[in-house]
Amino acid sequence: MRRFNRPQKWVHPKDRIVRWKIFEGDIVKVIAGKAKNEVGKVKSVDKLSNRLWIENVNMGRMTVPKLNLNKINSENQDKTGGWWLAPVIKPIHVSNVMHIHPDDANDEMRAVRSEWKKVDIDGNGTMRWRRVIAGTKTIIPFPPKPKEPEREKSPFDTSAEIARELTWNITLDPPLPPGVIDELRTPYKGWRYNAQHKNRPFI
């Protein structure tokens, strides 16, 4: 019997990668498998199965239920036996991809092995963890962070002027009376039950 819903691959926790060197948005090169020597951008990462998806790399087809005939794209989908073969990106194990050398142009894409290393990036002795090419100090830059979509303004939003307005008076006096402060200072022994403070006024 054909299995249409394949279970997701699972890796034992002891075999999962603790500290990933490949992030979403990195440009990587496939070094093994059917998609060998192909270069692409990492679309997503699955840390539970040590696999990742690369845009337009390792393309395959997956059977999906029959769709509405009015929404069918004849160029990307073919009808076979009551099911549709939809193009999908198949996952690749992280051990089959490597980083691209940051100095390479679009013509030459050299795959390099990367590692985590503390590097003085500011020149003032402050060491930071960065991804570097193994055996060198050449830093592999982090991918740019995706821009957050702009949220539509609502008439119920609070204006910046009102949000910055100071609504309380700042004083140097303690917020609570001295007796209450002494009581809260030691939560296991209140001042009321201490023989040393039994005649002390509350304030």
Protein backbone atom coordinates (compact mmCIF):
# COMPACT_ATOMS: atom_id res chain seq x y z
CA MET A 1 0.00 0.00 0.00
CA ARG A 2 1.31 3.43 -0.92
CA ARG A 3 2.00 5.72 1.99
CA PHE A 4 1.00 9.30 1.24
CA ASN A 5 1.70 10.80 4.67
CA ARG A 6 5.26 9.88 5.50
CA PRO A 7 6.24 10.34 9.17
CA GLN A 8 8.77 13.01 10.02
CA LYS A 9 12.30 11.76 10.62
CA TRP A 10 13.32 11.80 14.27
CA VAL A 11 16.80 11.87 15.79
CA HIS A 12 17.65 10.76 19.28
CA PRO A 13 18.40 13.73 21.58
CA LYS A 14 21.97 12.55 22.16
CA ASP A 15 22.62 12.74 18.40
CA ARG A 16 21.14 16.21 17.86
CA ILE A 17 23.42 19.15 17.16
CA VAL A 18 23.78 21.33 20.23
CA ARG A 19 25.22 24.44 18.60
CA TRP A 20 24.32 24.99 14.97
CA LYS A 21 26.73 26.74 12.62
CA ILE A 22 24.21 27.12 9.79
CA PHE A 23 21.33 29.56 10.22
CA GLU A 24 18.34 30.52 8.14
CA GLY A 25 19.46 32.86 5.37
CA ASP A 26 22.99 31.43 4.96
CA ILE A 27 24.31 30.63 1.48
CA VAL A 28 25.48 27.01 1.49
CA LYS A 29 26.73 24.43 -1.00
CA VAL A 30 25.64 20.80 -1.16
CA ILE A 31 28.64 18.46 -1.06
CA ALA A 32 26.89 15.06 -1.27
CA GLY A 33 23.72 13.48 -2.57
CA LYS A 34 21.67 13.99 -5.71
CA ALA A 35 21.91 17.78 -5.43
CA LYS A 36 25.72 17.81 -5.17
CA ASN A 37 27.51 21.08 -6.09
CA GLU A 38 24.25 23.06 -6.00
CA VAL A 39 24.26 26.39 -4.14
CA GLY A 40 21.29 27.97 -2.47
CA LYS A 41 19.92 29.92 0.45
CA VAL A 42 18.80 28.09 3.59
CA LYS A 43 15.04 28.46 3.86
CA SER A 44 14.41 26.74 7.18
CA VAL A 45 16.13 24.52 9.75
CA ASP A 46 14.75 21.57 11.74
CA LYS A 47 16.87 21.06 14.86
CA LEU A 48 14.96 17.95 15.91
CA SER A 49 16.02 15.98 12.83
CA ASN A 50 19.33 17.72 11.96
CA ARG A 51 17.96 18.65 8.54
CA LEU A 52 17.44 21.84 6.59
CA TRP A 53 15.67 23.06 3.46
CA ILE A 54 17.42 25.04 0.70
CA GLU A 55 15.54 27.19 -1.77
CA ASN A 56 15.23 25.58 -5.24
CA VAL A 57 17.63 22.76 -4.27
CA ASN A 58 16.78 19.04 -4.02
CA MET A 59 13.37 19.54 -5.55
CA GLY A 60 10.97 16.62 -5.50
CA ARG A 61 7.29 15.80 -5.81
CA MET A 62 4.84 14.84 -3.14
CA THR A 63 1.39 13.34 -3.58
CA VAL A 64 -1.38 15.50 -2.18
CA PRO A 65 -5.18 15.11 -2.19
CA LYS A 66 -7.18 16.21 -5.19
CA LEU A 67 -7.60 19.99 -5.34
CA ASN A 68 -10.31 22.23 -6.63
CA LEU A 69 -10.28 22.24 -10.44
CA ASN A 70 -10.66 26.03 -10.52
CA LYS A 71 -7.42 26.53 -8.53
CA ILE A 72 -5.17 24.12 -10.42
CA ASN A 73 -1.96 25.38 -11.97
CA SER A 74 -1.35 23.09 -14.93
CA GLU A 75 2.33 24.10 -15.19
CA ASN A 76 3.33 22.92 -11.71
CA GLN A 77 0.87 20.09 -11.06
CA ASP A 78 0.07 16.94 -13.01
CA LYS A 79 -2.98 14.77 -12.47
CA THR A 80 -2.19 11.10 -11.90
CA GLY A 81 -4.66 8.56 -10.56
CA GLY A 82 -6.87 10.96 -8.65
CA TRP A 83 -3.91 12.52 -6.79
CA TRP A 84 -1.77 15.52 -7.56
CA LEU A 85 2.01 15.59 -7.63
CA ALA A 86 2.96 18.93 -6.10
CA PRO A 87 6.57 20.20 -6.32
CA VAL A 88 8.21 20.42 -2.90
CA ILE A 89 11.67 20.99 -1.43
CA LYS A 90 13.08 17.87 0.18
CA PRO A 91 15.16 18.21 3.34
CA ILE A 92 18.93 17.68 3.34
CA HIS A 93 21.00 16.49 6.28
CA VAL A 94 23.18 19.22 7.71
CA SER A 95 26.32 17.08 7.25
CA ASN A 96 25.83 17.26 3.46
CA VAL A 97 26.16 21.05 3.22
CA MET A 98 28.98 23.50 3.86
CA HIS A 99 29.39 27.25 4.01
CA ILE A 100 30.52 29.32 1.05
CA HIS A 101 33.77 31.26 1.34
CA PRO A 102 32.79 34.87 2.13
CA ASP A 103 35.36 36.28 -0.36
CA ASP A 104 34.13 34.28 -3.35
CA ALA A 105 32.26 35.94 -6.18
CA ASN A 106 29.23 34.52 -7.92
CA ASP A 107 31.41 32.63 -10.43
CA GLU A 108 33.44 30.58 -7.94
CA MET A 109 31.70 29.08 -4.94
CA ARG A 110 34.17 27.29 -2.69
CA ALA A 111 32.78 25.17 0.11
CA VAL A 112 34.61 25.70 3.40
CA ARG A 113 34.38 24.01 6.78
CA SER A 114 33.34 26.34 9.58
CA GLU A 115 33.73 26.33 13.34
CA TRP A 116 32.94 28.50 16.34
CA LYS A 117 35.83 30.55 17.67
CA LYS A 118 36.36 33.58 19.88
CA VAL A 119 37.65 36.50 17.81
CA ASP A 120 38.62 40.05 18.73
CA ILE A 121 36.40 41.91 16.29
CA ASP A 122 36.67 45.40 17.83
CA GLY A 123 40.43 45.45 18.39
CA ASN A 124 40.09 46.39 22.07
CA GLY A 125 40.52 42.90 23.50
CA THR A 126 36.83 42.03 23.70
CA MET A 127 36.44 38.47 22.47
CA ARG A 128 33.23 37.46 20.74
CA TRP A 129 32.02 34.09 19.48
CA ARG A 130 31.91 34.10 15.69
CA ARG A 131 31.73 31.55 12.89
CA VAL A 132 35.10 31.33 11.17
CA ILE A 133 36.68 29.16 8.51
CA ALA A 134 38.31 26.19 10.23
CA GLY A 135 41.99 26.82 10.94
CA THR A 136 41.82 30.54 10.10
CA LYS A 137 40.42 33.77 11.53
CA THR A 138 38.30 34.62 8.48
CA ILE A 139 34.86 35.44 9.88
CA ILE A 140 31.76 34.10 8.15
CA PRO A 141 29.21 36.91 8.56
CA PHE A 142 25.81 36.18 10.02
CA PRO A 143 22.85 36.35 7.63
CA PRO A 144 20.86 39.60 7.76
CA LYS A 145 17.82 39.51 9.99
CA PRO A 146 14.53 39.46 8.12
CA LYS A 147 12.62 42.71 8.23
CA GLU A 148 9.51 42.62 10.33
CA PRO A 149 6.38 43.41 8.36
CA GLU A 150 4.96 46.82 9.08
CA ARG A 151 1.87 46.63 11.21
CA GLU A 152 -1.15 48.54 10.08
CA LYS A 153 -1.96 51.49 12.29
CA SER A 154 -5.15 51.23 14.28
CA PRO A 155 -7.24 54.11 15.63
CA PHE A 156 -6.94 52.48 19.07
CA ASP A 157 -3.11 52.74 19.15
CA THR A 158 -1.60 55.01 21.79
CA SER A 159 0.41 57.87 20.35
CA ALA A 160 4.13 58.14 21.13
CA GLU A 161 3.67 61.49 22.91
CA ILE A 162 1.16 60.05 25.37
CA ALA A 163 3.27 56.92 25.92
CA ARG A 164 6.35 59.03 26.81
CA GLU A 165 4.41 61.31 29.13
CA LEU A 166 5.56 61.09 32.77
CA THR A 167 2.59 60.16 34.96
CA TRP A 168 4.30 59.86 38.36
CA ASN A 169 6.59 61.97 40.54
CA ILE A 170 10.09 60.66 41.11
CA THR A 171 11.23 61.09 44.74
CA LEU A 172 14.14 59.76 46.77
CA ASP A 173 11.90 58.76 49.69
CA PRO A 174 11.37 55.01 50.25
CA PRO A 175 8.06 53.79 48.88
CA LEU A 176 7.06 52.08 52.14
CA PRO A 177 7.32 53.01 55.84
CA PRO A 178 10.40 51.73 57.71
CA GLY A 179 8.36 49.22 59.70
CA VAL A 180 6.96 47.57 56.56
CA ILE A 181 10.42 47.50 54.97
CA ASP A 182 11.83 45.68 58.02
CA GLU A 183 8.99 43.19 57.85
CA LEU A 184 9.50 42.44 54.16
CA ARG A 185 13.27 42.23 54.44
CA THR A 186 13.16 38.84 56.21
CA PRO A 187 10.22 36.81 54.86
CA TYR A 188 10.72 33.95 57.35
CA LYS A 189 10.70 36.06 60.53
CA GLY A 190 8.48 39.10 60.69
CA TRP A 191 9.29 42.05 62.95
CA ARG A 192 6.04 41.64 64.91
CA TYR A 193 7.12 38.26 66.29
CA ASN A 194 10.63 39.33 67.17
CA ALA A 195 11.12 40.08 70.83
CA GLN A 196 13.64 42.74 69.92
CA HIS A 197 10.99 44.77 68.10
CA LYS A 198 7.87 43.94 70.09
CA ASN A 199 7.60 47.49 71.51
CA ARG A 200 8.59 49.20 68.29
CA PRO A 201 5.90 51.33 66.64
CA PHE A 202 4.68 50.29 63.23
CA ILE A 203 5.92 53.48 61.59
